[in-house]
Protein backbone atom coordinates (compact mmCIF):
# COMPACT_ATOMS: atom_id res chain seq x y z
CA MET A 1 75.31 199.77 200.18
CA ALA A 2 74.48 196.12 199.85
CA ARG A 3 71.43 195.00 197.97
CA SER A 4 68.83 193.37 200.13
CA THR A 5 67.56 190.50 198.02
CA SER A 6 68.88 187.03 197.50
CA ARG A 7 68.33 187.04 193.72
CA SER A 8 68.45 189.75 191.07
CA VAL A 9 65.30 191.57 190.06
CA THR A 10 64.07 190.68 186.56
CA TRP A 11 61.92 192.55 184.06
CA ARG A 12 59.11 190.16 184.91
CA ASP A 13 59.40 191.09 188.60
CA VAL A 14 59.20 194.79 187.78
CA MET A 15 56.28 194.46 185.36
CA SER A 16 54.39 192.19 187.76
CA LEU A 17 54.63 194.78 190.53
CA CYS A 18 53.76 197.64 188.18
CA ALA A 19 50.69 195.75 186.95
CA GLY A 20 49.57 195.33 190.55
CA TYR A 21 49.39 199.11 190.88
CA TRP A 22 48.02 199.81 187.40
CA PHE A 23 45.05 197.49 187.79
CA ARG A 24 43.97 198.81 191.18
CA GLU A 25 41.79 201.26 189.23
CA PRO A 26 40.48 199.17 186.29
CA ALA A 27 37.77 201.69 185.40
CA THR A 28 40.29 204.52 185.10
CA LEU A 29 42.66 202.35 183.11
CA PHE A 30 39.80 201.42 180.78
CA SER A 31 39.08 205.14 180.30
CA VAL A 32 42.74 205.70 179.45
CA ALA A 33 42.56 202.90 176.87
CA ILE A 34 39.41 204.34 175.27
CA LEU A 35 40.89 207.85 175.09
CA LEU A 36 44.14 206.47 173.69
CA ALA A 37 42.24 204.50 171.03
CA GLY A 38 40.36 207.67 170.04
CA LEU A 39 43.61 209.65 169.88
CA VAL A 40 45.33 207.06 167.71
CA THR A 41 42.28 206.81 165.45
CA SER A 42 42.27 210.56 164.90
CA GLU A 43 46.02 210.50 164.14
CA LEU A 44 45.51 207.59 161.75
CA VAL A 45 42.67 209.32 159.92
CA THR A 46 44.67 212.52 159.32
CA PRO A 47 47.19 211.25 156.69
CA ILE A 48 44.47 209.15 155.02
CA LEU A 49 42.27 212.22 154.59
CA LEU A 50 45.24 214.31 153.45
CA GLY A 51 45.87 211.73 150.74
CA GLU A 52 42.24 211.94 149.73
CA VAL A 53 42.38 215.75 149.60
CA VAL A 54 45.39 215.71 147.28
CA GLY A 55 43.82 212.88 145.25
CA SER A 56 40.61 214.85 144.79
CA ILE A 57 42.57 217.88 143.62
CA GLY A 58 44.56 215.74 141.18
CA ALA A 59 41.35 214.20 139.86
CA ARG A 60 39.87 217.68 139.51
CA ALA A 61 36.96 216.82 141.79
CA ALA A 62 34.46 219.45 142.79
CA VAL A 63 35.82 222.14 145.12
CA ALA A 64 33.06 221.41 147.62
CA ALA A 65 34.12 217.75 147.83
CA SER A 66 37.74 218.72 148.43
CA LEU A 67 36.67 221.22 151.10
CA VAL A 68 34.63 218.53 152.86
CA LEU A 69 37.68 216.28 152.93
CA LEU A 70 39.81 219.20 154.18
CA GLY A 71 37.22 219.81 156.88
CA GLY A 72 37.62 216.19 157.92
CA VAL A 73 41.38 216.79 158.26
CA ALA A 74 40.67 219.80 160.48
CA VAL A 75 38.26 217.81 162.65
CA SER A 76 40.72 214.93 163.05
CA MET A 77 43.56 217.29 163.98
CA GLY A 78 41.33 219.18 166.41
CA ALA A 79 40.21 215.89 167.94
CA GLN A 80 43.85 215.02 168.56
CA VAL A 81 44.34 218.19 170.61
CA VAL A 82 41.16 217.70 172.65
CA LEU A 83 41.66 213.97 173.26
CA LYS A 84 45.31 214.49 174.22
CA GLN A 85 44.30 217.13 176.78
CA ILE A 86 41.62 214.89 178.31
CA LEU A 87 43.93 211.86 178.29
CA ASP A 88 46.71 213.77 180.04
CA ARG A 89 44.36 215.03 182.75
CA VAL A 90 42.91 211.58 183.41
CA TRP A 91 46.39 210.08 183.46
CA ASN A 92 47.79 212.76 185.79
CA GLY A 93 45.34 211.95 188.57
CA TYR A 94 45.67 208.21 188.00
CA ALA A 95 49.49 208.39 188.03
CA ALA A 96 49.59 210.55 191.17
CA ARG A 97 47.42 208.06 193.06
CA SER A 98 49.57 205.14 191.91
CA MET A 99 52.73 206.99 192.96
CA GLN A 100 51.20 207.66 196.36
CA ARG A 101 50.38 203.98 196.80
CA ILE A 102 53.87 202.73 195.92
CA GLN A 103 55.41 205.36 198.18
CA MET A 104 53.26 204.36 201.15
CA ASP A 105 53.62 200.62 200.54
CA ALA A 106 57.40 200.77 200.20
CA PHE A 107 57.78 203.20 203.12
CA GLY A 108 55.54 201.05 205.31
CA ARG A 109 57.59 197.99 204.41
CA VAL A 110 60.91 199.70 205.14
CA GLN A 111 59.56 200.99 208.46
CA ARG A 112 58.95 197.39 209.49
CA PHE A 113 62.36 196.03 208.53
CA SER A 114 64.51 194.87 211.41
CA ALA A 115 66.87 197.03 213.41
CA ASP A 116 69.73 195.10 211.79
CA TRP A 117 68.56 196.06 208.29
CA HIS A 118 68.44 199.75 209.18
CA ALA A 119 71.80 199.58 210.94
CA ASN A 120 73.42 198.18 207.80
CA THR A 121 71.76 200.51 205.28
CA PHE A 122 72.40 204.18 204.49
CA ALA A 123 69.30 206.12 205.54
CA GLY A 124 69.92 208.69 202.80
CA ALA A 125 70.22 206.01 200.14
CA THR A 126 67.00 204.38 201.34
CA VAL A 127 65.13 207.69 201.09
CA HIS A 128 66.56 208.24 197.62
CA ARG A 129 65.57 204.76 196.47
CA LEU A 130 62.01 205.23 197.76
CA SER A 131 61.71 208.54 195.92
CA ARG A 132 63.15 207.13 192.70
CA ALA A 133 60.79 204.15 192.81
CA ARG A 134 57.81 206.49 193.02
CA TRP A 135 58.86 208.44 189.94
CA ALA A 136 59.95 205.29 188.15
CA LEU A 137 56.44 203.84 188.45
CA ASP A 138 55.04 206.98 186.85
CA MET A 139 57.61 206.91 184.05
CA ILE A 140 57.14 203.20 183.31
CA GLY A 141 53.36 203.58 183.22
CA GLN A 142 53.45 206.68 181.04
CA ILE A 143 55.86 205.11 178.55
CA VAL A 144 54.16 201.70 178.41
CA TRP A 145 50.56 202.91 178.27
CA ILE A 146 50.89 206.09 176.25
CA ARG A 147 54.26 206.93 174.72
CA LEU A 148 54.94 203.43 173.38
CA ALA A 149 51.34 202.31 172.90
CA THR A 150 50.61 205.30 170.64
CA PRO A 151 53.33 204.61 168.01
CA ILE A 152 52.70 200.84 168.20
CA LEU A 153 49.00 201.23 167.43
CA LEU A 154 49.69 203.95 164.89
CA THR A 155 52.34 201.81 163.18
CA ILE A 156 49.91 198.91 162.86
CA GLY A 157 47.12 201.14 161.56
CA LEU A 158 49.27 203.05 159.05
CA GLY A 159 51.00 199.87 157.94
CA VAL A 160 47.69 198.16 157.24
CA ALA A 161 46.41 201.22 155.37
CA LEU A 162 49.62 201.39 153.31
CA PHE A 163 49.47 197.66 152.58
CA PHE A 164 45.94 197.94 151.16
CA ARG A 165 46.97 200.91 149.00
CA LEU A 166 50.39 199.56 147.95
CA PRO A 167 51.04 195.96 149.06
CA ALA A 168 54.78 195.96 148.27
CA ALA A 169 55.38 199.21 150.15
CA GLY A 170 53.24 198.00 153.06
CA ALA A 171 55.16 194.72 153.31
CA ALA A 172 58.47 196.59 153.26
CA PHE A 173 57.14 198.95 155.90
CA PHE A 174 56.25 196.10 158.28
CA LEU A 175 59.58 194.36 157.68
CA VAL A 176 61.68 197.40 158.53
CA VAL A 177 59.52 198.22 161.56
CA LEU A 178 59.98 194.64 162.78
CA ILE A 179 63.75 195.00 162.39
CA TYR A 180 63.54 198.35 164.22
CA VAL A 181 61.71 196.79 167.19
CA VAL A 182 63.88 193.67 167.43
CA VAL A 183 67.15 195.60 167.20
CA SER A 184 65.91 198.16 169.75
CA LEU A 185 64.93 195.46 172.27
CA VAL A 186 68.20 193.56 171.85
CA ILE A 187 70.32 196.68 172.26
CA ALA A 188 68.21 197.87 175.20
CA THR A 189 68.42 194.53 177.00
CA MET A 190 71.95 193.42 176.20
CA TRP A 191 73.77 196.75 175.89
CA VAL A 192 71.94 199.58 177.68
CA ARG A 193 70.32 197.87 180.68
CA PRO A 194 73.50 196.46 182.31
CA ALA A 195 75.09 199.90 182.25
CA ASN A 196 71.91 201.48 183.65
CA LEU A 197 71.84 199.04 186.58
CA VAL A 198 75.47 199.80 187.44
CA ALA A 199 74.79 203.54 187.17
CA ALA A 200 71.70 203.26 189.43
CA ALA A 201 73.71 201.40 192.09
CA ALA A 202 76.48 204.01 191.91
CA ASP A 203 73.88 206.77 192.22
CA SER A 204 72.43 205.19 195.36
CA ARG A 205 75.88 204.83 196.88
CA LEU A 206 76.74 208.46 196.12
CA THR A 207 73.46 209.72 197.59
CA GLY A 208 73.85 207.57 200.70
CA SER A 209 77.43 208.68 201.27
CA VAL A 210 76.55 212.36 200.91
CA ALA A 211 73.64 211.95 203.35
CA ASP A 212 75.93 210.13 205.79
CA CYS A 213 78.47 212.96 205.73
CA ILE A 214 75.83 215.66 206.11
CA THR A 215 74.17 213.80 209.00
CA ASN A 216 77.53 213.59 210.76
CA ASN A 217 78.59 217.14 209.93
CA ALA A 218 79.26 217.92 213.60
CA VAL A 219 81.84 215.11 213.71
CA VAL A 220 83.39 216.34 210.45
CA LYS A 221 83.76 219.82 211.90
CA ALA A 222 85.09 218.49 215.21
CA PHE A 223 88.04 216.87 213.44
CA GLY A 224 88.52 219.53 210.77
CA ALA A 225 87.87 216.82 208.19
CA GLU A 226 86.04 218.81 205.51
CA VAL A 227 88.81 218.32 202.95
CA ARG A 228 89.06 214.63 203.80
CA GLU A 229 85.32 214.19 203.28
CA ASP A 230 85.52 216.17 200.03
CA ASP A 231 88.10 213.65 198.84
CA HIS A 232 86.03 210.70 200.08
CA ILE A 233 82.89 211.89 198.31
CA GLY A 234 85.00 212.87 195.31
CA GLU A 235 86.19 209.28 194.85
CA ILE A 236 82.63 207.97 194.95
CA ALA A 237 81.45 210.76 192.64
CA ASN A 238 84.24 209.94 190.19
CA HIS A 239 83.07 206.34 190.04
CA TRP A 240 79.47 207.51 189.51
CA ARG A 241 80.61 209.86 186.74
CA ASP A 242 82.46 207.10 184.91
CA VAL A 243 79.57 204.62 184.99
CA ALA A 244 77.03 207.36 184.24
CA VAL A 245 78.96 208.45 181.14
CA ARG A 246 79.10 204.84 179.98
CA SER A 247 75.34 204.52 180.55
CA PHE A 248 74.62 207.80 178.71
CA ASN A 249 76.89 206.85 175.79
CA ARG A 250 75.24 203.47 175.36
CA ALA A 251 71.85 205.15 175.29
CA THR A 252 73.19 207.56 172.64
CA ASP A 253 74.49 204.62 170.59
CA MET A 254 71.06 203.04 170.71
CA GLY A 255 69.44 206.25 169.48
CA ALA A 256 71.86 206.46 166.54
CA VAL A 257 71.08 202.88 165.49
CA GLN A 258 67.33 203.52 165.72
CA GLN A 259 67.55 206.69 163.66
CA GLY A 260 69.58 204.87 161.02
CA ILE A 261 66.97 202.12 160.73
CA TRP A 262 64.18 204.69 160.42
CA VAL A 263 66.02 206.53 157.63
CA VAL A 264 66.24 203.21 155.78
CA LEU A 265 62.49 202.74 156.29
CA GLN A 266 61.57 206.15 154.90
CA ILE A 267 63.92 206.01 151.93
CA GLY A 268 63.02 202.37 151.20
CA VAL A 269 59.27 202.92 151.12
CA LEU A 270 59.56 206.05 148.97
CA GLY A 271 61.99 204.20 146.70
CA LEU A 272 59.43 201.47 146.14
CA LEU A 273 56.90 204.13 145.14
CA VAL A 274 59.37 205.57 142.64
CA VAL A 275 60.27 202.19 141.15
CA GLY A 276 56.68 200.90 141.02
CA ARG A 277 55.10 204.17 140.00
CA GLU A 278 52.52 202.44 137.78
CA GLY A 279 49.14 202.91 139.43
CA VAL A 280 50.55 205.20 142.14
CA THR A 281 48.49 208.35 142.56
CA ALA A 282 49.38 211.71 144.04
CA GLY A 283 47.09 210.81 146.94
CA ASP A 284 49.11 207.63 147.59
CA ILE A 285 52.34 209.59 147.66
CA THR A 286 50.85 212.25 149.93
CA PHE A 287 49.48 209.61 152.29
CA THR A 288 52.83 207.80 152.42
CA ILE A 289 54.83 210.96 153.07
CA ALA A 290 52.35 212.28 155.64
CA ALA A 291 52.16 208.93 157.41
CA SER A 292 55.95 208.59 157.33
CA PHE A 293 56.53 212.01 158.87
CA GLN A 294 53.74 211.55 161.41
CA LEU A 295 55.09 208.18 162.51
CA ALA A 296 58.66 209.52 162.46
CA GLY A 297 57.69 212.07 165.07
CA HIS A 298 56.57 209.30 167.40
CA LEU A 299 59.35 206.84 166.66
CA ARG A 300 61.98 209.55 167.00
CA SER A 301 61.03 209.74 170.67
CA VAL A 302 60.74 205.97 171.07
CA GLY A 303 64.50 205.63 171.30
CA GLY A 304 64.60 208.09 174.17
CA ASP A 305 61.57 206.47 175.76
CA ILE A 306 63.21 203.05 175.71
CA ARG A 307 66.35 204.51 177.26
CA VAL A 308 64.28 206.17 179.97
CA LEU A 309 62.34 202.95 180.42
CA GLN A 310 65.57 201.06 180.99
CA ARG A 311 66.64 203.54 183.64
CA ALA A 312 63.20 203.49 185.24
CA PHE A 313 63.26 199.69 185.39
CA GLY A 314 66.57 199.82 187.23
CA GLU A 315 65.24 202.37 189.69
CA PHE A 316 61.92 200.59 190.22
CA ALA A 317 63.84 197.40 190.99
CA ASP A 318 64.53 198.98 194.39
CA ALA A 319 60.80 199.00 195.15
CA VAL A 320 60.56 195.36 194.08
CA GLU A 321 63.36 194.52 196.50
CA PHE A 322 61.72 196.42 199.33
CA LEU A 323 58.31 194.85 198.81
CA ARG A 324 59.43 191.26 198.36
CA LEU A 325 62.07 191.22 201.11
CA PRO A 326 60.56 189.18 203.95
CA LEU A 327 60.19 190.88 207.30
CA GLN A 328 62.72 189.53 209.74
CA VAL A 329 60.24 190.11 212.57
CA SER A 330 56.58 189.91 211.63
CA ASP A 331 53.23 189.69 213.37
CA GLN A 332 51.43 186.36 213.39
CA SER A 333 48.45 185.95 211.07
CA SER A 334 46.16 186.25 214.09
CA VAL A 335 47.33 188.40 216.98
CA ARG A 336 45.73 188.74 220.36
CA PRO A 337 45.01 192.12 221.94
CA MET A 338 47.46 193.21 224.61
CA ALA A 339 45.59 194.41 227.66
CA ARG A 340 47.34 196.86 229.96
CA GLY A 341 48.72 194.94 232.92
CA ALA A 342 50.92 195.46 235.91
CA GLY A 343 54.16 194.98 233.94
CA GLU A 344 55.42 191.51 234.89
CA ILE A 345 58.29 190.39 232.63
CA VAL A 346 59.34 186.77 232.22
CA PHE A 347 62.18 185.39 230.07
CA ASP A 348 61.40 181.68 229.91
CA ASN A 349 64.30 179.47 228.78
CA VAL A 350 65.24 181.93 226.04
CA THR A 351 67.86 181.06 223.42
CA PHE A 352 69.11 183.76 221.06
CA ARG A 353 71.97 184.56 218.73
CA TYR A 354 72.71 187.35 216.24
CA GLY A 355 72.84 185.96 212.71
CA GLN A 356 75.22 183.02 212.44
CA SER A 357 77.19 183.88 215.58
CA ASP A 358 77.33 181.69 218.66
CA HIS A 359 74.41 181.87 221.05
CA LEU A 360 74.44 184.94 223.25
CA TYR A 361 71.59 183.64 225.40
CA SER A 362 71.26 179.93 226.06
CA SER A 363 68.34 178.68 228.19
CA PHE A 364 68.14 182.15 229.75
CA SER A 365 65.40 182.60 232.37
CA ILE A 366 64.57 185.55 234.60
CA ARG A 367 61.44 187.06 236.14
CA ILE A 368 60.88 190.72 236.92
CA ALA A 369 57.93 191.35 239.22
CA PRO A 370 55.32 194.04 238.49
CA GLY A 371 56.55 197.42 239.70
CA GLU A 372 60.07 196.09 240.40
CA LYS A 373 63.03 198.36 239.61
CA VAL A 374 65.88 196.38 238.08
CA GLY A 375 69.35 197.52 237.03
CA LEU A 376 71.35 195.77 234.32
CA VAL A 377 75.14 195.99 234.62
CA GLY A 378 78.07 194.25 233.03
CA PRO A 379 80.76 194.78 230.38
CA SER A 380 79.98 195.72 226.79
CA GLY A 381 78.65 192.77 224.81
CA SER A 382 77.47 190.93 227.90
CA GLY A 383 73.78 191.00 226.86
CA LYS A 384 72.30 194.06 228.63
CA SER A 385 71.10 195.89 225.51
CA THR A 386 70.05 192.61 223.92
CA PHE A 387 67.74 192.03 226.89
CA VAL A 388 65.84 195.23 226.07
CA LYS A 389 65.87 194.62 222.29
CA LEU A 390 64.33 191.20 222.79
CA LEU A 391 61.79 192.65 225.21
CA GLN A 392 60.73 195.09 222.47
CA ARG A 393 60.78 192.22 219.98
CA LEU A 394 63.22 193.97 217.69
CA TYR A 395 64.49 190.41 217.17
CA ASP A 396 62.74 187.07 217.48
CA VAL A 397 64.18 184.57 219.93
CA ASN A 398 65.57 181.28 218.60
CA GLY A 399 63.98 179.33 221.40
CA GLY A 400 61.90 179.76 224.55
CA ALA A 401 59.48 182.63 225.12
CA ILE A 402 59.24 186.14 226.56
CA ARG A 403 56.04 187.05 228.36
CA ILE A 404 54.61 190.31 229.60
CA ASP A 405 51.79 189.87 232.10
CA GLY A 406 51.48 186.27 230.98
CA ALA A 407 51.15 187.05 227.24
CA ASP A 408 53.80 185.71 224.88
CA ILE A 409 55.07 188.83 223.10
CA ALA A 410 55.25 186.86 219.82
CA SER A 411 51.46 186.45 219.91
CA VAL A 412 50.60 190.16 220.11
CA ALA A 413 50.96 192.95 217.56
CA GLN A 414 54.38 194.57 217.66
CA ALA A 415 52.87 198.06 217.76
CA GLU A 416 50.77 197.20 220.82
CA LEU A 417 53.73 195.55 222.52
CA ARG A 418 55.98 198.57 222.04
CA ARG A 419 53.30 200.99 223.18
CA SER A 420 53.41 199.18 226.53
CA ILE A 421 57.13 200.02 226.93
CA ALA A 422 58.41 203.58 227.33
CA ILE A 423 62.09 204.06 226.55
CA VAL A 424 64.32 206.98 227.50
CA PRO A 425 67.66 206.46 225.71
CA GLN A 426 71.04 207.85 226.58
CA ASP A 427 71.00 210.15 223.55
CA PRO A 428 67.37 210.85 222.61
CA SER A 429 66.63 211.44 218.94
CA LEU A 430 63.83 213.87 218.17
CA PHE A 431 61.91 214.55 214.97
CA HIS A 432 62.36 217.86 213.20
CA ARG A 433 58.91 218.85 214.37
CA SER A 434 57.48 221.02 217.12
CA LEU A 435 58.24 220.34 220.75
CA SER A 436 54.58 219.57 221.41
CA GLY A 437 54.60 217.09 218.51
CA ASN A 438 57.69 215.36 219.89
CA ILE A 439 56.27 215.14 223.39
CA ALA A 440 52.95 213.79 222.13
CA TYR A 441 54.60 211.22 219.86
CA GLY A 442 53.76 208.36 222.23
CA ARG A 443 50.14 209.51 222.53
CA PRO A 444 49.13 211.66 219.53
CA SER A 445 45.59 212.11 220.88
CA ALA A 446 46.88 213.99 223.94
CA LYS A 447 45.30 217.37 224.63
CA PRO A 448 47.48 220.51 224.86
CA GLU A 449 47.04 220.69 228.61
CA GLU A 450 48.18 217.07 228.96
CA ILE A 451 51.30 217.84 226.92
CA VAL A 452 52.08 220.81 229.16
CA GLU A 453 51.53 218.72 232.30
CA ALA A 454 53.90 216.03 231.01
CA ALA A 455 56.51 218.72 230.29
CA ARG A 456 56.09 220.11 233.81
CA ARG A 457 56.63 216.67 235.35
CA ALA A 458 59.73 216.21 233.19
CA ARG A 459 61.09 219.62 234.29
CA ALA A 460 60.92 220.79 230.66
CA HIS A 461 58.14 223.37 230.83
CA ASP A 462 60.32 226.27 231.99
CA PHE A 463 62.93 226.05 229.24
CA ILE A 464 60.19 225.52 226.62
CA CYS A 465 58.41 228.69 227.73
CA ARG A 466 61.65 230.66 227.32
CA LEU A 467 61.84 229.74 223.63
CA PRO A 468 60.41 232.32 221.19
CA ASP A 469 57.82 229.90 219.80
CA GLY A 470 57.29 227.91 222.99
CA TYR A 471 55.75 224.50 222.36
CA ASP A 472 55.60 225.26 218.62
CA THR A 473 59.39 225.48 218.38
CA LEU A 474 60.91 223.23 215.71
CA VAL A 475 63.79 221.31 217.24
CA GLY A 476 65.90 220.61 214.15
CA GLU A 477 66.96 217.28 212.70
CA ARG A 478 67.38 214.74 215.52
CA GLY A 479 66.79 217.64 217.95
CA VAL A 480 70.13 219.38 217.29
CA LYS A 481 68.74 222.81 218.24
CA LEU A 482 68.37 221.64 221.84
CA SER A 483 71.06 220.87 224.39
CA GLY A 484 71.59 217.33 225.66
CA GLY A 485 69.74 218.06 228.88
CA GLU A 486 66.83 219.64 227.03
CA ARG A 487 66.51 216.64 224.73
CA GLN A 488 66.54 214.33 227.76
CA ARG A 489 63.72 216.29 229.36
CA VAL A 490 61.65 216.15 226.18
CA ALA A 491 62.23 212.38 226.08
CA LEU A 492 61.11 212.12 229.70
CA ALA A 493 58.01 214.21 228.97
CA ARG A 494 57.24 211.84 226.11
CA ALA A 495 57.53 208.89 228.51
CA PHE A 496 55.30 210.60 231.10
CA LEU A 497 52.63 211.19 228.47
CA ALA A 498 52.87 207.65 227.04
CA ASP A 499 52.14 206.33 230.55
CA ALA A 500 53.34 202.80 229.73
CA PRO A 501 53.47 200.15 232.49
CA ILE A 502 57.09 199.28 231.65
CA LEU A 503 59.89 201.86 231.61
CA VAL A 504 63.38 201.37 230.17
CA LEU A 505 66.14 203.86 231.01
CA ASP A 506 69.41 203.61 229.13
CA GLU A 507 71.75 205.60 231.40
CA ALA A 508 69.59 208.66 230.83
CA THR A 509 71.81 211.05 232.82
CA SER A 510 75.31 209.83 232.02
CA SER A 511 76.32 212.69 229.68
CA LEU A 512 74.85 215.62 231.62
CA ASP A 513 76.34 218.22 233.92
CA THR A 514 75.75 217.83 237.66
CA ILE A 515 72.99 220.44 238.02
CA THR A 516 71.06 219.20 234.99
CA GLU A 517 71.54 215.59 236.10
CA ARG A 518 69.97 216.33 239.49
CA GLN A 519 66.95 217.99 237.87
CA ILE A 520 66.44 215.11 235.48
CA GLN A 521 67.04 212.53 238.21
CA ASP A 522 64.16 214.02 240.19
CA ALA A 523 61.94 213.65 237.12
CA ILE A 524 63.12 210.08 236.59
CA GLU A 525 62.33 209.11 240.17
CA GLU A 526 58.80 210.44 239.72
CA LEU A 527 58.47 208.63 236.38
CA MET A 528 59.54 205.29 237.89
CA ARG A 529 56.83 205.28 240.53
CA GLY A 530 54.35 202.49 240.00
CA ARG A 531 56.11 201.17 236.87
CA THR A 532 58.24 198.14 236.20
CA THR A 533 61.57 199.78 235.49
CA ILE A 534 64.69 198.48 233.76
CA VAL A 535 67.81 200.61 233.95
CA ILE A 536 70.78 199.83 231.69
CA ALA A 537 73.70 201.11 233.71
CA HIS A 538 77.12 202.15 232.52
CA ARG A 539 77.82 203.71 235.93
CA LEU A 540 76.97 201.75 239.04
CA SER A 541 75.89 204.93 240.83
CA THR A 542 72.71 204.93 238.76
CA VAL A 543 71.54 201.53 240.03
CA ARG A 544 72.33 201.70 243.73
CA ALA A 545 68.69 202.46 244.56
CA MET A 546 67.30 199.62 242.41
CA ASP A 547 65.31 196.83 244.03
CA ARG A 548 67.50 194.31 242.25
CA ILE A 549 70.65 194.42 240.13
CA LEU A 550 71.34 191.82 237.44
CA VAL A 551 75.03 191.38 236.64
CA PHE A 552 75.49 190.14 233.05
CA ASP A 553 78.47 188.36 231.58
CA GLU A 554 78.49 186.64 228.17
CA GLY A 555 74.70 186.36 228.03
CA ARG A 556 74.28 185.01 231.56
CA VAL A 557 73.21 186.60 234.84
CA VAL A 558 76.15 185.73 237.04
CA GLU A 559 74.92 187.65 240.09
CA GLN A 560 71.77 189.35 241.25
CA GLY A 561 70.64 191.20 244.34
CA ALA A 562 70.43 194.65 245.89
CA HIS A 563 73.43 196.99 245.87
CA ALA A 564 74.27 196.51 249.56
CA GLU A 565 73.98 192.75 249.24
CA LEU A 566 76.21 192.52 246.19
CA ILE A 567 79.04 194.70 247.46
CA SER A 568 79.09 192.72 250.70
CA ARG A 569 80.07 189.53 248.87
CA PRO A 570 83.81 189.04 249.29
CA GLN A 571 84.55 187.86 245.73
CA GLY A 572 81.59 188.99 243.63
CA ARG A 573 81.72 190.40 240.12
CA TYR A 574 79.61 193.42 241.12
CA ARG A 575 81.93 194.15 244.04
CA ASP A 576 84.91 194.13 241.68
CA LEU A 577 83.17 196.61 239.36
CA HIS A 578 82.24 198.76 242.34
CA LEU A 579 85.79 198.88 243.64
CA LEU A 580 87.16 199.64 240.18
CA GLU A 581 84.81 202.59 239.74
CA ARG A 582 85.62 203.86 243.20
CA ASP A 583 89.33 203.72 242.49
CA LEU A 584 88.78 205.63 239.26
CA GLY A 585 86.84 208.30 241.12
CA LYS A 586 83.54 207.57 239.43
CA ILE A 587 81.67 206.86 242.66
CA ALA A 588 81.62 209.42 245.43
């Protein structure tokens, strides 16, 4: 799966986007900071008080004084438990809301990417990347704000306290910690991160390929290709395994280096106490050991946190790509409302090409009158489907304009434009939702009785009533639990309910049996009444009753007229197609 951005995503890009979500709730973030400061303070006080307790015992202070100090230790340790509980609860709600925002922002962005982008991207991989970005935001925030902030603040506090007690030991402490941090960042950036990025890309490819195979399982079964697909996925999985092992091993190497540095820190500081024992009290030693072990517990997890942070950065980079990728087709800054009209369609001197290819349309002009029924015929690649895609504004034209009822479609909101066009495709795709939900998709506010009436008009009501759950029946992914004819009727019911002034039919009966085709054709004829209708025809029999037929060839309309008129021309392109179909037995 190709990446979608023109330049690589940097740490700055990731942190900038994360910050945008973190600071949407400044009051909550401030509360987190206050709680964290209290937690660190209580952790910092604990070894200091322990040192004082031992010092008081060594100095043979009064028992009551030692007990007071011990009580302070108990309070500080209890405060840690309470503050940690409150901090976690505040963070959990804050993190969940941030995760929801990134999910909705990234999903909304992906939904608005062009048809080309979706055609060239694994749907499964996209879903996986969206999910990973959501969890990556949570992990980055948790590590940066809590799991790294805690040892950083604690290190500074304990280091300062140690320096004031024993300057030489404190200086050594800060030096080794500085080495620890610098070495960790260098290894993480130069050694671990590149492997993590490669592993994340391999993971996306594996997920996308598995989803692709599962989505097309019917094709796999039709060709008995299970073993072949096992091998195909196996090759991709082998590549993922190899890069994942390399990523894991590099993270393990980093942990070993960090542990080694920390051992040097502990032994070094204690060694300084042994060598410079003059003036060193039992309380100093207790404080140093307690602080060392307390900090060790945090820093021992820092290595793992940095490794996880590296992986999370790589995964969150997907969200950065999604959110900064410009929309290929976008609404203007100020859009005009699209009033319901009669359905006049005008292509005015339109020029269009796909990508860097030659122009498909060049100075293309055509007018379709309100309520007119027009058939589009011609060989594959001649521009029939492009006509409808441009009408929906799935692509922007390179020149000229397309107008519906006098309004340039580039000046209205895409959602409003597309709600004015009802489409019944050759192979309808349904959501894995109830039948009533699928029928009402074009008008979610429809009442149950309106849904039933639309199903009746589409000749779908009878088969729906025969199902055990009726209109509540779940249709399966893409509607696989229904037959082709049943899916077509649901799509027609959806179009009836949407009640759009423009109707597009993409050979809606071409793959059906004769009896089902006749039933659906009756519904289609009723649906076309009073609407501007465009029929993309792969069989000429479906357009014989059209008011006008447009014959496309290489992005141009080379002929147009009614069926009888076109077949009467002695050397017309439509006549040639008609005779060819007749000879092949496709036209009765």
